[in-house]
PDB file of N, CA and C in Angstrom:
ATOM      1  N   MET A   1      26.745 238.044 -12.201  1.00  0.00           N
ATOM      2  CA  MET A   1      26.115 238.738 -13.296  1.00  0.00           C
ATOM      3  C   MET A   1      26.497 238.043 -14.601  1.00  0.00           C
ATOM      4  N   THR A   2      25.537 237.851 -15.464  1.00  0.00           N
ATOM      5  CA  THR A   2      25.779 237.260 -16.762  1.00  0.00           C
ATOM      6  C   THR A   2      26.238 238.345 -17.725  1.00  0.00           C
ATOM      7  N   LYS A   3      27.259 238.049 -18.500  1.00  0.00           N
ATOM      8  CA  LYS A   3      27.764 239.022 -19.467  1.00  0.00           C
ATOM      9  C   LYS A   3      26.660 239.373 -20.451  1.00  0.00           C
ATOM     10  N   ASP A   4      26.526 240.648 -20.751  1.00  0.00           N
ATOM     11  CA  ASP A   4      25.508 241.105 -21.674  1.00  0.00           C
ATOM     12  C   ASP A   4      25.913 240.712 -23.086  1.00  0.00           C
ATOM     13  N   LEU A   5      25.056 239.990 -23.744  1.00  0.00           N
ATOM     14  CA  LEU A   5      25.338 239.524 -25.097  1.00  0.00           C
ATOM     15  C   LEU A   5      24.529 240.321 -26.119  1.00  0.00           C
ATOM     16  N   HIS A   6      24.398 241.628 -25.862  1.00  0.00           N
ATOM     17  CA  HIS A   6      23.650 242.515 -26.737  1.00  0.00           C
ATOM     18  C   HIS A   6      24.524 243.695 -27.170  1.00  0.00           C
ATOM     19  N   THR A   7      24.179 244.269 -28.301  1.00  0.00           N
ATOM     20  CA  THR A   7      24.822 245.501 -28.766  1.00  0.00           C
ATOM     21  C   THR A   7      24.206 246.671 -28.018  1.00  0.00           C
ATOM     22  N   PRO A   8      24.772 247.864 -28.133  1.00  0.00           N
ATOM     23  CA  PRO A   8      24.153 249.040 -27.504  1.00  0.00           C
ATOM     24  C   PRO A   8      22.713 249.287 -27.973  1.00  0.00           C
ATOM     25  N   ASP A   9      22.359 248.818 -29.174  1.00  0.00           N
ATOM     26  CA  ASP A   9      20.997 248.976 -29.697  1.00  0.00           C
ATOM     27  C   ASP A   9      20.080 247.836 -29.234  1.00  0.00           C
ATOM     28  N   ASN A  10      20.557 247.030 -28.264  1.00  0.00           N
ATOM     29  CA  ASN A  10      19.820 245.904 -27.698  1.00  0.00           C
ATOM     30  C   ASN A  10      19.573 244.775 -28.697  1.00  0.00           C
ATOM     31  N   GLU A  11      20.439 244.660 -29.699  1.00  0.00           N
ATOM     32  CA  GLU A  11      20.384 243.533 -30.618  1.00  0.00           C
ATOM     33  C   GLU A  11      21.314 242.448 -30.084  1.00  0.00           C
ATOM     34  N   SER A  12      20.921 241.204 -30.242  1.00  0.00           N
ATOM     35  CA  SER A  12      21.731 240.094 -29.760  1.00  0.00           C
ATOM     36  C   SER A  12      23.006 239.966 -30.601  1.00  0.00           C
ATOM     37  N   LEU A  13      24.122 239.649 -29.929  1.00  0.00           N
ATOM     38  CA  LEU A  13      25.380 239.392 -30.634  1.00  0.00           C
ATOM     39  C   LEU A  13      25.415 237.965 -31.174  1.00  0.00           C
ATOM     40  N   ILE A  14      24.446 237.164 -30.768  1.00  0.00           N
ATOM     41  CA  ILE A  14      24.358 235.771 -31.197  1.00  0.00           C
ATOM     42  C   ILE A  14      23.147 235.635 -32.098  1.00  0.00           C
ATOM     43  N   GLU A  15      23.312 234.940 -33.207  1.00  0.00           N
ATOM     44  CA  GLU A  15      22.188 234.696 -34.107  1.00  0.00           C
ATOM     45  C   GLU A  15      21.538 233.374 -33.717  1.00  0.00           C
ATOM     46  N   PHE A  16      20.255 233.420 -33.383  1.00  0.00           N
ATOM     47  CA  PHE A  16      19.521 232.235 -32.942  1.00  0.00           C
ATOM     48  C   PHE A  16      18.638 231.718 -34.053  1.00  0.00           C
ATOM     49  N   PRO A  17      18.377 230.398 -34.061  1.00  0.00           N
ATOM     50  CA  PRO A  17      18.927 229.368 -33.183  1.00  0.00           C
ATOM     51  C   PRO A  17      20.362 229.025 -33.583  1.00  0.00           C
ATOM     52  N   CYS A  18      21.100 228.453 -32.625  1.00  0.00           N
ATOM     53  CA  CYS A  18      22.494 228.087 -32.892  1.00  0.00           C
ATOM     54  C   CYS A  18      22.986 227.080 -31.858  1.00  0.00           C
ATOM     55  N   ASP A  19      24.086 226.425 -32.189  1.00  0.00           N
ATOM     56  CA  ASP A  19      24.786 225.608 -31.193  1.00  0.00           C
ATOM     57  C   ASP A  19      25.580 226.578 -30.326  1.00  0.00           C
ATOM     58  N   PHE A  20      25.487 226.407 -29.014  1.00  0.00           N
ATOM     59  CA  PHE A  20      26.166 227.302 -28.087  1.00  0.00           C
ATOM     60  C   PHE A  20      26.934 226.458 -27.078  1.00  0.00           C
ATOM     61  N   LYS A  21      28.223 226.756 -26.909  1.00  0.00           N
ATOM     62  CA  LYS A  21      29.075 226.007 -25.988  1.00  0.00           C
ATOM     63  C   LYS A  21      29.199 226.775 -24.683  1.00  0.00           C
ATOM     64  N   LEU A  22      28.705 226.163 -23.602  1.00  0.00           N
ATOM     65  CA  LEU A  22      28.840 226.787 -22.288  1.00  0.00           C
ATOM     66  C   LEU A  22      29.926 226.065 -21.509  1.00  0.00           C
ATOM     67  N   LYS A  23      30.523 226.773 -20.540  1.00  0.00           N
ATOM     68  CA  LYS A  23      31.626 226.213 -19.771  1.00  0.00           C
ATOM     69  C   LYS A  23      31.453 226.571 -18.306  1.00  0.00           C
ATOM     70  N   ALA A  24      31.663 225.556 -17.447  1.00  0.00           N
ATOM     71  CA  ALA A  24      31.642 225.769 -16.000  1.00  0.00           C
ATOM     72  C   ALA A  24      32.829 225.037 -15.390  1.00  0.00           C
ATOM     73  N   MET A  25      33.416 225.631 -14.356  1.00  0.00           N
ATOM     74  CA  MET A  25      34.566 225.032 -13.698  1.00  0.00           C
ATOM     75  C   MET A  25      34.279 224.787 -12.230  1.00  0.00           C
ATOM     76  N   GLY A  26      34.822 223.674 -11.724  1.00  0.00           N
ATOM     77  CA  GLY A  26      34.642 223.306 -10.325  1.00  0.00           C
ATOM     78  C   GLY A  26      35.645 222.249  -9.929  1.00  0.00           C
ATOM     79  N   LYS A  27      35.453 221.673  -8.735  1.00  0.00           N
ATOM     80  CA  LYS A  27      36.354 220.620  -8.266  1.00  0.00           C
ATOM     81  C   LYS A  27      36.158 219.369  -9.114  1.00  0.00           C
ATOM     82  N   ASN A  28      37.244 218.648  -9.317  1.00  0.00           N
ATOM     83  CA  ASN A  28      37.251 217.475 -10.179  1.00  0.00           C
ATOM     84  C   ASN A  28      36.549 216.295  -9.507  1.00  0.00           C
ATOM     85  N   CYS A  29      35.288 216.076  -9.880  1.00  0.00           N
ATOM     86  CA  CYS A  29      34.543 214.906  -9.415  1.00  0.00           C
ATOM     87  C   CYS A  29      33.423 214.628 -10.407  1.00  0.00           C
ATOM     88  N   ASP A  30      32.990 213.370 -10.462  1.00  0.00           N
ATOM     89  CA  ASP A  30      31.920 212.984 -11.384  1.00  0.00           C
ATOM     90  C   ASP A  30      30.627 213.732 -11.083  1.00  0.00           C
ATOM     91  N   GLN A  31      30.380 214.031  -9.831  1.00  0.00           N
ATOM     92  CA  GLN A  31      29.171 214.738  -9.427  1.00  0.00           C
ATOM     93  C   GLN A  31      29.094 216.112 -10.100  1.00  0.00           C
ATOM     94  N   PHE A  32      30.220 216.780 -10.254  1.00  0.00           N
ATOM     95  CA  PHE A  32      30.220 218.102 -10.862  1.00  0.00           C
ATOM     96  C   PHE A  32      29.756 218.037 -12.320  1.00  0.00           C
ATOM     97  N   ILE A  33      30.177 217.020 -13.030  1.00  0.00           N
ATOM     98  CA  ILE A  33      29.745 216.846 -14.420  1.00  0.00           C
ATOM     99  C   ILE A  33      28.222 216.728 -14.478  1.00  0.00           C
ATOM    100  N   ASP A  34      27.644 215.935 -13.570  1.00  0.00           N
ATOM    101  CA  ASP A  34      26.191 215.758 -13.524  1.00  0.00           C
ATOM    102  C   ASP A  34      25.473 217.066 -13.187  1.00  0.00           C
ATOM    103  N   ILE A  35      26.032 217.849 -12.281  1.00  0.00           N
ATOM    104  CA  ILE A  35      25.431 219.134 -11.895  1.00  0.00           C
ATOM    105  C   ILE A  35      25.322 220.046 -13.114  1.00  0.00           C
ATOM    106  N   VAL A  36      26.410 220.190 -13.840  1.00  0.00           N
ATOM    107  CA  VAL A  36      26.426 221.075 -15.006  1.00  0.00           C
ATOM    108  C   VAL A  36      25.457 220.562 -16.068  1.00  0.00           C
ATOM    109  N   TYR A  37      25.465 219.272 -16.315  1.00  0.00           N
ATOM    110  CA  TYR A  37      24.578 218.697 -17.331  1.00  0.00           C
ATOM    111  C   TYR A  37      23.108 218.873 -16.949  1.00  0.00           C
ATOM    112  N   GLU A  38      22.761 218.619 -15.692  1.00  0.00           N
ATOM    113  CA  GLU A  38      21.368 218.751 -15.256  1.00  0.00           C
ATOM    114  C   GLU A  38      20.867 220.183 -15.390  1.00  0.00           C
ATOM    115  N   ILE A  39      21.707 221.151 -15.108  1.00  0.00           N
ATOM    116  CA  ILE A  39      21.310 222.557 -15.284  1.00  0.00           C
ATOM    117  C   ILE A  39      21.124 222.859 -16.770  1.00  0.00           C
ATOM    118  N   ALA A  40      22.005 222.366 -17.606  1.00  0.00           N
ATOM    119  CA  ALA A  40      21.893 222.621 -19.049  1.00  0.00           C
ATOM    120  C   ALA A  40      20.604 222.024 -19.612  1.00  0.00           C
ATOM    121  N   VAL A  41      20.277 220.782 -19.241  1.00  0.00           N
ATOM    122  CA  VAL A  41      19.078 220.150 -19.809  1.00  0.00           C
ATOM    123  C   VAL A  41      17.787 220.715 -19.231  1.00  0.00           C
ATOM    124  N   LYS A  42      17.874 221.410 -18.121  1.00  0.00           N
ATOM    125  CA  LYS A  42      16.686 222.098 -17.589  1.00  0.00           C
ATOM    126  C   LYS A  42      16.207 223.136 -18.607  1.00  0.00           C
ATOM    127  N   TYR A  43      17.135 223.787 -19.294  1.00  0.00           N
ATOM    128  CA  TYR A  43      16.812 224.826 -20.264  1.00  0.00           C
ATOM    129  C   TYR A  43      16.873 224.339 -21.712  1.00  0.00           C
ATOM    130  N   ALA A  44      17.613 223.278 -21.956  1.00  0.00           N
ATOM    131  CA  ALA A  44      17.740 222.707 -23.306  1.00  0.00           C
ATOM    132  C   ALA A  44      17.581 221.186 -23.190  1.00  0.00           C
ATOM    133  N   PRO A  45      16.331 220.722 -22.982  1.00  0.00           N
ATOM    134  CA  PRO A  45      16.088 219.308 -22.668  1.00  0.00           C
ATOM    135  C   PRO A  45      16.521 218.316 -23.743  1.00  0.00           C
ATOM    136  N   GLU A  46      16.678 218.758 -24.977  1.00  0.00           N
ATOM    137  CA  GLU A  46      17.069 217.847 -26.048  1.00  0.00           C
ATOM    138  C   GLU A  46      18.578 217.612 -26.107  1.00  0.00           C
ATOM    139  N   THR A  47      19.350 218.190 -25.189  1.00  0.00           N
ATOM    140  CA  THR A  47      20.808 218.078 -25.207  1.00  0.00           C
ATOM    141  C   THR A  47      21.254 216.669 -24.821  1.00  0.00           C
ATOM    142  N   PRO A  48      21.923 215.960 -25.748  1.00  0.00           N
ATOM    143  CA  PRO A  48      22.411 214.618 -25.405  1.00  0.00           C
ATOM    144  C   PRO A  48      23.663 214.685 -24.527  1.00  0.00           C
ATOM    145  N   ARG A  49      23.843 213.678 -23.718  1.00  0.00           N
ATOM    146  CA  ARG A  49      25.013 213.620 -22.839  1.00  0.00           C
ATOM    147  C   ARG A  49      26.324 213.602 -23.627  1.00  0.00           C
ATOM    148  N   GLU A  50      26.263 213.163 -24.860  1.00  0.00           N
ATOM    149  CA  GLU A  50      27.456 213.134 -25.717  1.00  0.00           C
ATOM    150  C   GLU A  50      27.967 214.540 -26.037  1.00  0.00           C
ATOM    151  N   ASN A  51      27.188 215.563 -25.751  1.00  0.00           N
ATOM    152  CA  ASN A  51      27.607 216.941 -26.009  1.00  0.00           C
ATOM    153  C   ASN A  51      28.484 217.508 -24.904  1.00  0.00           C
ATOM    154  N   ILE A  52      28.876 216.670 -23.962  1.00  0.00           N
ATOM    155  CA  ILE A  52      29.741 217.089 -22.862  1.00  0.00           C
ATOM    156  C   ILE A  52      31.195 216.803 -23.226  1.00  0.00           C
ATOM    157  N   SER A  53      32.062 217.775 -22.961  1.00  0.00           N
ATOM    158  CA  SER A  53      33.506 217.534 -23.031  1.00  0.00           C
ATOM    159  C   SER A  53      34.119 218.052 -21.734  1.00  0.00           C
ATOM    160  N   ILE A  54      35.218 217.427 -21.341  1.00  0.00           N
ATOM    161  CA  ILE A  54      35.817 217.694 -20.034  1.00  0.00           C
ATOM    162  C   ILE A  54      37.302 217.959 -20.198  1.00  0.00           C
ATOM    163  N   ASN A  55      37.791 218.939 -19.439  1.00  0.00           N
ATOM    164  CA  ASN A  55      39.228 219.224 -19.383  1.00  0.00           C
ATOM    165  C   ASN A  55      39.634 219.319 -17.923  1.00  0.00           C
ATOM    166  N   ASN A  56      40.736 218.670 -17.580  1.00  0.00           N
ATOM    167  CA  ASN A  56      41.274 218.738 -16.222  1.00  0.00           C
ATOM    168  C   ASN A  56      42.301 219.858 -16.119  1.00  0.00           C
ATOM    169  N   SER A  57      42.409 220.431 -14.922  1.00  0.00           N
ATOM    170  CA  SER A  57      43.476 221.401 -14.685  1.00  0.00           C
ATOM    171  C   SER A  57      44.805 220.650 -14.664  1.00  0.00           C
ATOM    172  N   SER A  58      45.896 221.384 -14.709  1.00  0.00           N
ATOM    173  CA  SER A  58      47.212 220.737 -14.757  1.00  0.00           C
ATOM    174  C   SER A  58      47.461 219.858 -13.535  1.00  0.00           C
ATOM    175  N   GLY A  59      46.963 220.243 -12.381  1.00  0.00           N
ATOM    176  CA  GLY A  59      47.123 219.433 -11.181  1.00  0.00           C
ATOM    177  C   GLY A  59      46.001 218.435 -10.966  1.00  0.00           C
ATOM    178  N   LYS A  60      45.023 218.419 -11.874  1.00  0.00           N
ATOM    179  CA  LYS A  60      43.863 217.529 -11.843  1.00  0.00           C
ATOM    180  C   LYS A  60      42.959 217.735 -10.626  1.00  0.00           C
ATOM    181  N   LYS A  61      43.104 218.879  -9.949  1.00  0.00           N
ATOM    182  CA  LYS A  61      42.258 219.184  -8.796  1.00  0.00           C
ATOM    183  C   LYS A  61      40.926 219.792  -9.246  1.00  0.00           C
ATOM    184  N   PHE A  62      40.945 220.470 -10.392  1.00  0.00           N
ATOM    185  CA  PHE A  62      39.758 221.136 -10.913  1.00  0.00           C
ATOM    186  C   PHE A  62      39.423 220.601 -12.300  1.00  0.00           C
ATOM    187  N   ILE A  63      38.192 220.844 -12.698  1.00  0.00           N
ATOM    188  CA  ILE A  63      37.709 220.349 -13.987  1.00  0.00           C
ATOM    189  C   ILE A  63      36.886 221.446 -14.661  1.00  0.00           C
ATOM    190  N   SER A  64      36.968 221.500 -15.975  1.00  0.00           N
ATOM    191  CA  SER A  64      36.068 222.380 -16.715  1.00  0.00           C
ATOM    192  C   SER A  64      35.162 221.481 -17.549  1.00  0.00           C
ATOM    193  N   VAL A  65      33.873 221.759 -17.442  1.00  0.00           N
ATOM    194  CA  VAL A  65      32.867 220.977 -18.152  1.00  0.00           C
ATOM    195  C   VAL A  65      32.261 221.869 -19.223  1.00  0.00           C
ATOM    196  N   ASN A  66      32.343 221.421 -20.463  1.00  0.00           N
ATOM    197  CA  ASN A  66      31.763 222.138 -21.597  1.00  0.00           C
ATOM    198  C   ASN A  66      30.554 221.347 -22.089  1.00  0.00           C
ATOM    199  N   VAL A  67      29.464 222.049 -22.345  1.00  0.00           N
ATOM    200  CA  VAL A  67      28.269 221.407 -22.885  1.00  0.00           C
ATOM    201  C   VAL A  67      27.799 222.244 -24.072  1.00  0.00           C
ATOM    202  N   VAL A  68      27.605 221.579 -25.195  1.00  0.00           N
ATOM    203  CA  VAL A  68      27.069 222.256 -26.367  1.00  0.00           C
ATOM    204  C   VAL A  68      25.558 222.042 -26.370  1.00  0.00           C
ATOM    205  N   ILE A  69      24.815 223.167 -26.327  1.00  0.00           N
ATOM    206  CA  ILE A  69      23.357 223.102 -26.376  1.00  0.00           C
ATOM    207  C   ILE A  69      22.882 223.730 -27.681  1.00  0.00           C
ATOM    208  N   TYR A  70      21.668 223.423 -28.055  1.00  0.00           N
ATOM    209  CA  TYR A  70      21.034 224.095 -29.184  1.00  0.00           C
ATOM    210  C   TYR A  70      20.216 225.229 -28.591  1.00  0.00           C
ATOM    211  N   ALA A  71      20.740 226.439 -28.708  1.00  0.00           N
ATOM    212  CA  ALA A  71      20.113 227.607 -28.093  1.00  0.00           C
ATOM    213  C   ALA A  71      19.121 228.246 -29.052  1.00  0.00           C
ATOM    214  N   THR A  72      17.962 228.578 -28.510  1.00  0.00           N
ATOM    215  CA  THR A  72      16.921 229.186 -29.322  1.00  0.00           C
ATOM    216  C   THR A  72      16.690 230.659 -28.994  1.00  0.00           C
ATOM    217  N   CYS A  73      17.190 231.110 -27.831  1.00  0.00           N
ATOM    218  CA  CYS A  73      17.013 232.514 -27.444  1.00  0.00           C
ATOM    219  C   CYS A  73      18.024 232.881 -26.355  1.00  0.00           C
ATOM    220  N   ILE A  74      18.230 234.167 -26.174  1.00  0.00           N
ATOM    221  CA  ILE A  74      19.197 234.658 -25.193  1.00  0.00           C
ATOM    222  C   ILE A  74      18.743 234.357 -23.767  1.00  0.00           C
ATOM    223  N   GLU A  75      17.439 234.336 -23.528  1.00  0.00           N
ATOM    224  CA  GLU A  75      16.922 234.056 -22.188  1.00  0.00           C
ATOM    225  C   GLU A  75      17.303 232.649 -21.729  1.00  0.00           C
ATOM    226  N   GLN A  76      17.366 231.725 -22.661  1.00  0.00           N
ATOM    227  CA  GLN A  76      17.779 230.350 -22.366  1.00  0.00           C
ATOM    228  C   GLN A  76      19.223 230.338 -21.847  1.00  0.00           C
ATOM    229  N   ILE A  77      20.103 231.060 -22.507  1.00  0.00           N
ATOM    230  CA  ILE A  77      21.508 231.130 -22.096  1.00  0.00           C
ATOM    231  C   ILE A  77      21.639 231.833 -20.748  1.00  0.00           C
ATOM    232  N   HIS A  78      20.925 232.930 -20.567  1.00  0.00           N
ATOM    233  CA  HIS A  78      20.960 233.641 -19.287  1.00  0.00           C
ATOM    234  C   HIS A  78      20.447 232.746 -18.158  1.00  0.00           C
ATOM    235  N   GLY A  79      19.424 231.952 -18.424  1.00  0.00           N
ATOM    236  CA  GLY A  79      18.890 231.043 -17.410  1.00  0.00           C
ATOM    237  C   GLY A  79      19.909 230.007 -16.979  1.00  0.00           C
ATOM    238  N   ILE A  80      20.583 229.401 -17.940  1.00  0.00           N
ATOM    239  CA  ILE A  80      21.598 228.386 -17.624  1.00  0.00           C
ATOM    240  C   ILE A  80      22.718 229.001 -16.801  1.00  0.00           C
ATOM    241  N   TYR A  81      23.274 230.112 -17.290  1.00  0.00           N
ATOM    242  CA  TYR A  81      24.383 230.736 -16.569  1.00  0.00           C
ATOM    243  C   TYR A  81      23.947 231.257 -15.198  1.00  0.00           C
ATOM    244  N   GLY A  82      22.723 231.733 -15.090  1.00  0.00           N
ATOM    245  CA  GLY A  82      22.219 232.185 -13.794  1.00  0.00           C
ATOM    246  C   GLY A  82      22.179 231.048 -12.791  1.00  0.00           C
ATOM    247  N   ASP A  83      21.655 229.885 -13.209  1.00  0.00           N
ATOM    248  CA  ASP A  83      21.597 228.721 -12.320  1.00  0.00           C
ATOM    249  C   ASP A  83      22.990 228.188 -11.997  1.00  0.00           C
ATOM    250  N   LEU A  84      23.880 228.173 -12.989  1.00  0.00           N
ATOM    251  CA  LEU A  84      25.244 227.716 -12.736  1.00  0.00           C
ATOM    252  C   LEU A  84      25.927 228.596 -11.697  1.00  0.00           C
ATOM    253  N   LYS A  85      25.799 229.891 -11.837  1.00  0.00           N
ATOM    254  CA  LYS A  85      26.471 230.817 -10.914  1.00  0.00           C
ATOM    255  C   LYS A  85      25.911 230.732  -9.501  1.00  0.00           C
ATOM    256  N   LYS A  86      24.651 230.348  -9.356  1.00  0.00           N
ATOM    257  CA  LYS A  86      24.043 230.209  -8.023  1.00  0.00           C
ATOM    258  C   LYS A  86      24.451 228.914  -7.336  1.00  0.00           C
ATOM    259  N   HIS A  87      24.894 227.923  -8.105  1.00  0.00           N
ATOM    260  CA  HIS A  87      25.209 226.616  -7.505  1.00  0.00           C
ATOM    261  C   HIS A  87      26.519 226.691  -6.729  1.00  0.00           C
ATOM    262  N   PRO A  88      26.545 226.189  -5.495  1.00  0.00           N
ATOM    263  CA  PRO A  88      27.745 226.298  -4.674  1.00  0.00           C
ATOM    264  C   PRO A  88      28.966 225.511  -5.184  1.00  0.00           C
ATOM    265  N   GLU A  89      28.745 224.501  -6.002  1.00  0.00           N
ATOM    266  CA  GLU A  89      29.859 223.704  -6.524  1.00  0.00           C
ATOM    267  C   GLU A  89      30.537 224.365  -7.727  1.00  0.00           C
ATOM    268  N   VAL A  90      29.856 225.322  -8.355  1.00  0.00           N
ATOM    269  CA  VAL A  90      30.412 225.987  -9.536  1.00  0.00           C
ATOM    270  C   VAL A  90      31.310 227.125  -9.091  1.00  0.00           C
ATOM    271  N   LEU A  91      32.580 227.052  -9.461  1.00  0.00           N
ATOM    272  CA  LEU A  91      33.549 228.069  -9.061  1.00  0.00           C
ATOM    273  C   LEU A  91      33.643 229.213 -10.075  1.00  0.00           C
ATOM    274  N   MET A  92      33.408 228.895 -11.361  1.00  0.00           N
ATOM    275  CA  MET A  92      33.539 229.910 -12.407  1.00  0.00           C
ATOM    276  C   MET A  92      32.780 229.450 -13.645  1.00  0.00           C
ATOM    277  N   THR A  93      32.281 230.415 -14.407  1.00  0.00           N
ATOM    278  CA  THR A  93      31.649 230.112 -15.705  1.00  0.00           C
ATOM    279  C   THR A  93      32.253 230.997 -16.772  1.00  0.00           C
ATOM    280  N   LEU A  94      32.209 230.507 -18.001  1.00  0.00           N
ATOM    281  CA  LEU A  94      32.652 231.290 -19.161  1.00  0.00           C
ATOM    282  C   LEU A  94      31.620 231.134 -20.266  1.00  0.00           C
TER     283      LEU A  94
END
């Protein structure tokens, strides 16, 4: 389930358009970076690869991939997180 980013009055907590940083975690491999990026550009095709940042876990077994997209609506964010959560390689999203 994607966290609800609305107030009780159904107003968005995010002001659009904006830069939005998404995060996904999985096993540490180059393929995982590509998976996260491909899902992000499906919904935000203008996102350059330079918008990716990576952090390794302390044991370097896992990786967190951050991608900054230019978000234009809440449905775009829900779509990305929905696809990320369905992918078997994605262990967690924030």
